[in-house]
Amino acid sequence: MRNIDLQKSPIFCYNKQIMGISTPHKHLLLILKWYALTEPRAIVIGYLRYARALQEIIPFAFLVMTLLCPWKNIREKKTYHGFNLTDFLERLTLNLFSRCVGAVVRIFTIIFGVLLQIILLAAFLGYLTFWVAYPFAALAGIHYLITSL
């Protein structure tokens, strides 16, 4: 049999931070700190990053500012001098139709973006609620199992 060096064995951890913790209540405090502070903070930061990314994908401010702009900048300009009623009505119709199409597309995009933000917020709140409530539900389940025996 070969001699096992305990300091370099994967079974024993020689990390000074872990080795410095000698009592079980310090382990419990570290776990509680992670569960109550570190991980909820990471959940909130993750939500904020997703919300910001969604905001960059569907930019609400830009869509509202360009709400009445022509769709894909399709518009017809006057190319000659003088006034022709038919040509004026054709240009007016095309320009109004292009602006209406642009407004409709942008309004639906804004509605879709708001719905996605609401879904993201609901998922975040559900996940955070589950994270906070899980230990209590687990303890209630254990209590129920013990009392039903």
C-alpha atoms as a PDB file:
ATOM      1  CA  MET A   1       0.000   0.000   0.000  1.00  0.00           C
ATOM      2  CA  ARG A   2       1.191   3.434  -0.711  1.00  0.00           C
ATOM      3  CA  ASN A   3       1.371   6.243   1.770  1.00  0.00           C
ATOM      4  CA  ILE A   4      -1.451   8.840   1.410  1.00  0.00           C
ATOM      5  CA  ASP A   5      -0.427  12.438   1.874  1.00  0.00           C
ATOM      6  CA  LEU A   6      -3.391  13.910   3.748  1.00  0.00           C
ATOM      7  CA  GLN A   7      -2.667  17.516   2.835  1.00  0.00           C
ATOM      8  CA  LYS A   8      -2.839  16.811  -0.904  1.00  0.00           C
ATOM      9  CA  SER A   9      -5.587  14.221  -0.808  1.00  0.00           C
ATOM     10  CA  PRO A  10      -8.829  15.232  -2.576  1.00  0.00           C
ATOM     11  CA  ILE A  11     -10.748  13.866   0.379  1.00  0.00           C
ATOM     12  CA  PHE A  12      -9.423  16.520   2.751  1.00  0.00           C
ATOM     13  CA  CYS A  13      -9.641  20.167   1.830  1.00  0.00           C
ATOM     14  CA  TYR A  14      -6.723  22.296   2.933  1.00  0.00           C
ATOM     15  CA  ASN A  15      -8.191  25.649   1.961  1.00  0.00           C
ATOM     16  CA  LYS A  16      -7.360  28.054   4.790  1.00  0.00           C
ATOM     17  CA  GLN A  17     -10.795  29.671   4.750  1.00  0.00           C
ATOM     18  CA  ILE A  18     -12.580  26.353   5.126  1.00  0.00           C
ATOM     19  CA  MET A  19     -10.038  24.983   7.579  1.00  0.00           C
ATOM     20  CA  GLY A  20     -10.414  28.173   9.626  1.00  0.00           C
ATOM     21  CA  ILE A  21     -14.079  27.357  10.183  1.00  0.00           C
ATOM     22  CA  SER A  22     -14.071  24.951  13.042  1.00  0.00           C
ATOM     23  CA  THR A  23     -17.550  24.979  14.502  1.00  0.00           C
ATOM     24  CA  PRO A  24     -20.833  23.898  12.888  1.00  0.00           C
ATOM     25  CA  HIS A  25     -22.613  27.148  13.725  1.00  0.00           C
ATOM     26  CA  LYS A  26     -20.125  29.034  11.530  1.00  0.00           C
ATOM     27  CA  HIS A  27     -21.029  26.715   8.627  1.00  0.00           C
ATOM     28  CA  LEU A  28     -24.688  27.417   9.256  1.00  0.00           C
ATOM     29  CA  LEU A  29     -24.073  31.170   9.328  1.00  0.00           C
ATOM     30  CA  LEU A  30     -22.222  31.000   6.002  1.00  0.00           C
ATOM     31  CA  ILE A  31     -25.039  29.011   4.420  1.00  0.00           C
ATOM     32  CA  LEU A  32     -27.674  31.402   5.785  1.00  0.00           C
ATOM     33  CA  LYS A  33     -25.696  34.398   4.538  1.00  0.00           C
ATOM     34  CA  TRP A  34     -25.471  32.817   1.082  1.00  0.00           C
ATOM     35  CA  TYR A  35     -29.156  31.860   1.048  1.00  0.00           C
ATOM     36  CA  ALA A  36     -30.521  35.132   2.434  1.00  0.00           C
ATOM     37  CA  LEU A  37     -28.134  37.704   0.945  1.00  0.00           C
ATOM     38  CA  THR A  38     -25.796  36.485  -1.776  1.00  0.00           C
ATOM     39  CA  GLU A  39     -28.153  34.448  -3.932  1.00  0.00           C
ATOM     40  CA  PRO A  40     -31.174  36.843  -3.805  1.00  0.00           C
ATOM     41  CA  ARG A  41     -28.804  39.644  -4.815  1.00  0.00           C
ATOM     42  CA  ALA A  42     -27.619  37.520  -7.748  1.00  0.00           C
ATOM     43  CA  ILE A  43     -31.254  36.834  -8.714  1.00  0.00           C
ATOM     44  CA  VAL A  44     -32.067  40.560  -8.731  1.00  0.00           C
ATOM     45  CA  ILE A  45     -28.927  41.396 -10.722  1.00  0.00           C
ATOM     46  CA  GLY A  46     -29.784  38.667 -13.226  1.00  0.00           C
ATOM     47  CA  TYR A  47     -33.297  40.070 -13.654  1.00  0.00           C
ATOM     48  CA  LEU A  48     -31.965  43.592 -14.161  1.00  0.00           C
ATOM     49  CA  ARG A  49     -29.549  42.347 -16.831  1.00  0.00           C
ATOM     50  CA  TYR A  50     -32.323  40.531 -18.691  1.00  0.00           C
ATOM     51  CA  ALA A  51     -34.606  43.581 -18.439  1.00  0.00           C
ATOM     52  CA  ARG A  52     -31.852  45.839 -19.793  1.00  0.00           C
ATOM     53  CA  ALA A  53     -31.125  43.434 -22.659  1.00  0.00           C
ATOM     54  CA  LEU A  54     -34.825  43.333 -23.533  1.00  0.00           C
ATOM     55  CA  GLN A  55     -34.896  47.135 -23.389  1.00  0.00           C
ATOM     56  CA  GLU A  56     -32.029  47.249 -25.886  1.00  0.00           C
ATOM     57  CA  ILE A  57     -33.753  44.752 -28.194  1.00  0.00           C
ATOM     58  CA  ILE A  58     -37.066  46.665 -28.140  1.00  0.00           C
ATOM     59  CA  PRO A  59     -36.175  50.329 -27.468  1.00  0.00           C
ATOM     60  CA  PHE A  60     -39.398  51.929 -26.235  1.00  0.00           C
ATOM     61  CA  ALA A  61     -38.122  55.513 -26.224  1.00  0.00           C
ATOM     62  CA  PHE A  62     -36.938  55.295 -29.825  1.00  0.00           C
ATOM     63  CA  LEU A  63     -40.212  53.689 -30.937  1.00  0.00           C
ATOM     64  CA  VAL A  64     -42.265  56.425 -29.269  1.00  0.00           C
ATOM     65  CA  MET A  65     -40.081  59.196 -30.740  1.00  0.00           C
ATOM     66  CA  THR A  66     -40.446  57.764 -34.258  1.00  0.00           C
ATOM     67  CA  LEU A  67     -44.079  56.728 -33.897  1.00  0.00           C
ATOM     68  CA  LEU A  68     -45.367  58.866 -36.782  1.00  0.00           C
ATOM     69  CA  CYS A  69     -42.353  58.547 -39.061  1.00  0.00           C
ATOM     70  CA  PRO A  70     -42.895  56.855 -42.412  1.00  0.00           C
ATOM     71  CA  TRP A  71     -42.444  53.087 -42.502  1.00  0.00           C
ATOM     72  CA  LYS A  72     -38.913  52.282 -43.715  1.00  0.00           C
ATOM     73  CA  ASN A  73     -38.667  55.941 -44.733  1.00  0.00           C
ATOM     74  CA  ILE A  74     -40.914  55.358 -47.757  1.00  0.00           C
ATOM     75  CA  ARG A  75     -42.161  58.742 -48.950  1.00  0.00           C
ATOM     76  CA  GLU A  76     -42.573  60.580 -52.153  1.00  0.00           C
ATOM     77  CA  LYS A  77     -41.294  64.092 -52.713  1.00  0.00           C
ATOM     78  CA  LYS A  78     -42.348  66.657 -55.255  1.00  0.00           C
ATOM     79  CA  THR A  79     -39.982  66.621 -58.226  1.00  0.00           C
ATOM     80  CA  TYR A  80     -41.290  69.535 -60.308  1.00  0.00           C
ATOM     81  CA  HIS A  81     -42.539  73.134 -60.037  1.00  0.00           C
ATOM     82  CA  GLY A  82     -46.193  74.025 -60.029  1.00  0.00           C
ATOM     83  CA  PHE A  83     -49.287  72.413 -58.576  1.00  0.00           C
ATOM     84  CA  ASN A  84     -51.022  69.308 -59.866  1.00  0.00           C
ATOM     85  CA  LEU A  85     -53.994  68.110 -57.788  1.00  0.00           C
ATOM     86  CA  THR A  86     -53.760  64.441 -58.823  1.00  0.00           C
ATOM     87  CA  ASP A  87     -50.048  64.242 -58.137  1.00  0.00           C
ATOM     88  CA  PHE A  88     -50.555  66.032 -54.806  1.00  0.00           C
ATOM     89  CA  LEU A  89     -53.271  63.556 -53.742  1.00  0.00           C
ATOM     90  CA  GLU A  90     -51.112  60.589 -54.810  1.00  0.00           C
ATOM     91  CA  ARG A  91     -48.175  61.846 -52.760  1.00  0.00           C
ATOM     92  CA  LEU A  92     -50.433  62.667 -49.799  1.00  0.00           C
ATOM     93  CA  THR A  93     -52.034  59.207 -49.890  1.00  0.00           C
ATOM     94  CA  LEU A  94     -48.703  57.386 -50.120  1.00  0.00           C
ATOM     95  CA  ASN A  95     -47.124  59.459 -47.363  1.00  0.00           C
ATOM     96  CA  LEU A  96     -50.130  59.112 -45.016  1.00  0.00           C
ATOM     97  CA  PHE A  97     -50.376  55.377 -45.693  1.00  0.00           C
ATOM     98  CA  SER A  98     -46.642  54.940 -45.039  1.00  0.00           C
ATOM     99  CA  ARG A  99     -46.928  56.836 -41.746  1.00  0.00           C
ATOM    100  CA  CYS A 100     -49.995  54.831 -40.690  1.00  0.00           C
ATOM    101  CA  VAL A 101     -48.243  51.537 -41.435  1.00  0.00           C
ATOM    102  CA  GLY A 102     -45.211  52.730 -39.449  1.00  0.00           C
ATOM    103  CA  ALA A 103     -47.393  53.781 -36.512  1.00  0.00           C
ATOM    104  CA  VAL A 104     -49.282  50.473 -36.461  1.00  0.00           C
ATOM    105  CA  VAL A 105     -46.093  48.396 -36.568  1.00  0.00           C
ATOM    106  CA  ARG A 106     -44.454  50.508 -33.868  1.00  0.00           C
ATOM    107  CA  ILE A 107     -47.532  50.397 -31.614  1.00  0.00           C
ATOM    108  CA  PHE A 108     -47.690  46.598 -31.861  1.00  0.00           C
ATOM    109  CA  THR A 109     -43.949  46.406 -31.182  1.00  0.00           C
ATOM    110  CA  ILE A 110     -44.364  48.603 -28.093  1.00  0.00           C
ATOM    111  CA  ILE A 111     -47.268  46.457 -26.847  1.00  0.00           C
ATOM    112  CA  PHE A 112     -45.248  43.275 -27.466  1.00  0.00           C
ATOM    113  CA  GLY A 113     -42.248  44.731 -25.623  1.00  0.00           C
ATOM    114  CA  VAL A 114     -44.356  45.790 -22.645  1.00  0.00           C
ATOM    115  CA  LEU A 115     -45.909  42.323 -22.479  1.00  0.00           C
ATOM    116  CA  LEU A 116     -42.457  40.718 -22.565  1.00  0.00           C
ATOM    117  CA  GLN A 117     -41.270  43.014 -19.761  1.00  0.00           C
ATOM    118  CA  ILE A 118     -44.354  42.101 -17.697  1.00  0.00           C
ATOM    119  CA  ILE A 119     -43.748  38.372 -18.294  1.00  0.00           C
ATOM    120  CA  LEU A 120     -40.099  38.797 -17.314  1.00  0.00           C
ATOM    121  CA  LEU A 121     -41.080  40.676 -14.148  1.00  0.00           C
ATOM    122  CA  ALA A 122     -43.671  38.018 -13.235  1.00  0.00           C
ATOM    123  CA  ALA A 123     -41.117  35.240 -13.760  1.00  0.00           C
ATOM    124  CA  PHE A 124     -38.585  37.117 -11.624  1.00  0.00           C
ATOM    125  CA  LEU A 125     -41.076  37.708  -8.810  1.00  0.00           C
ATOM    126  CA  GLY A 126     -42.206  34.077  -8.947  1.00  0.00           C
ATOM    127  CA  TYR A 127     -38.642  32.798  -8.814  1.00  0.00           C
ATOM    128  CA  LEU A 128     -37.687  35.117  -5.966  1.00  0.00           C
ATOM    129  CA  THR A 129     -40.848  34.181  -4.049  1.00  0.00           C
ATOM    130  CA  PHE A 130     -40.091  30.494  -4.563  1.00  0.00           C
ATOM    131  CA  TRP A 131     -36.513  31.060  -3.414  1.00  0.00           C
ATOM    132  CA  VAL A 132     -37.617  32.757  -0.200  1.00  0.00           C
ATOM    133  CA  ALA A 133     -40.558  30.413   0.523  1.00  0.00           C
ATOM    134  CA  TYR A 134     -38.822  27.100  -0.209  1.00  0.00           C
ATOM    135  CA  PRO A 135     -37.176  26.609   3.217  1.00  0.00           C
ATOM    136  CA  PHE A 136     -40.473  27.278   4.973  1.00  0.00           C
ATOM    137  CA  ALA A 137     -42.317  24.873   2.682  1.00  0.00           C
ATOM    138  CA  ALA A 138     -39.625  22.235   3.210  1.00  0.00           C
ATOM    139  CA  LEU A 139     -39.841  22.647   6.986  1.00  0.00           C
ATOM    140  CA  ALA A 140     -43.643  22.466   6.838  1.00  0.00           C
ATOM    141  CA  GLY A 141     -43.384  19.277   4.770  1.00  0.00           C
ATOM    142  CA  ILE A 142     -40.930  17.722   7.210  1.00  0.00           C
ATOM    143  CA  HIS A 143     -43.181  18.728  10.112  1.00  0.00           C
ATOM    144  CA  TYR A 144     -46.161  17.154   8.361  1.00  0.00           C
ATOM    145  CA  LEU A 145     -44.245  13.928   7.719  1.00  0.00           C
ATOM    146  CA  ILE A 146     -43.099  13.713  11.334  1.00  0.00           C
ATOM    147  CA  THR A 147     -46.541  14.429  12.795  1.00  0.00           C
ATOM    148  CA  SER A 148     -48.313  12.023  10.431  1.00  0.00           C
ATOM    149  CA  LEU A 149     -46.209   9.069  11.598  1.00  0.00           C
END
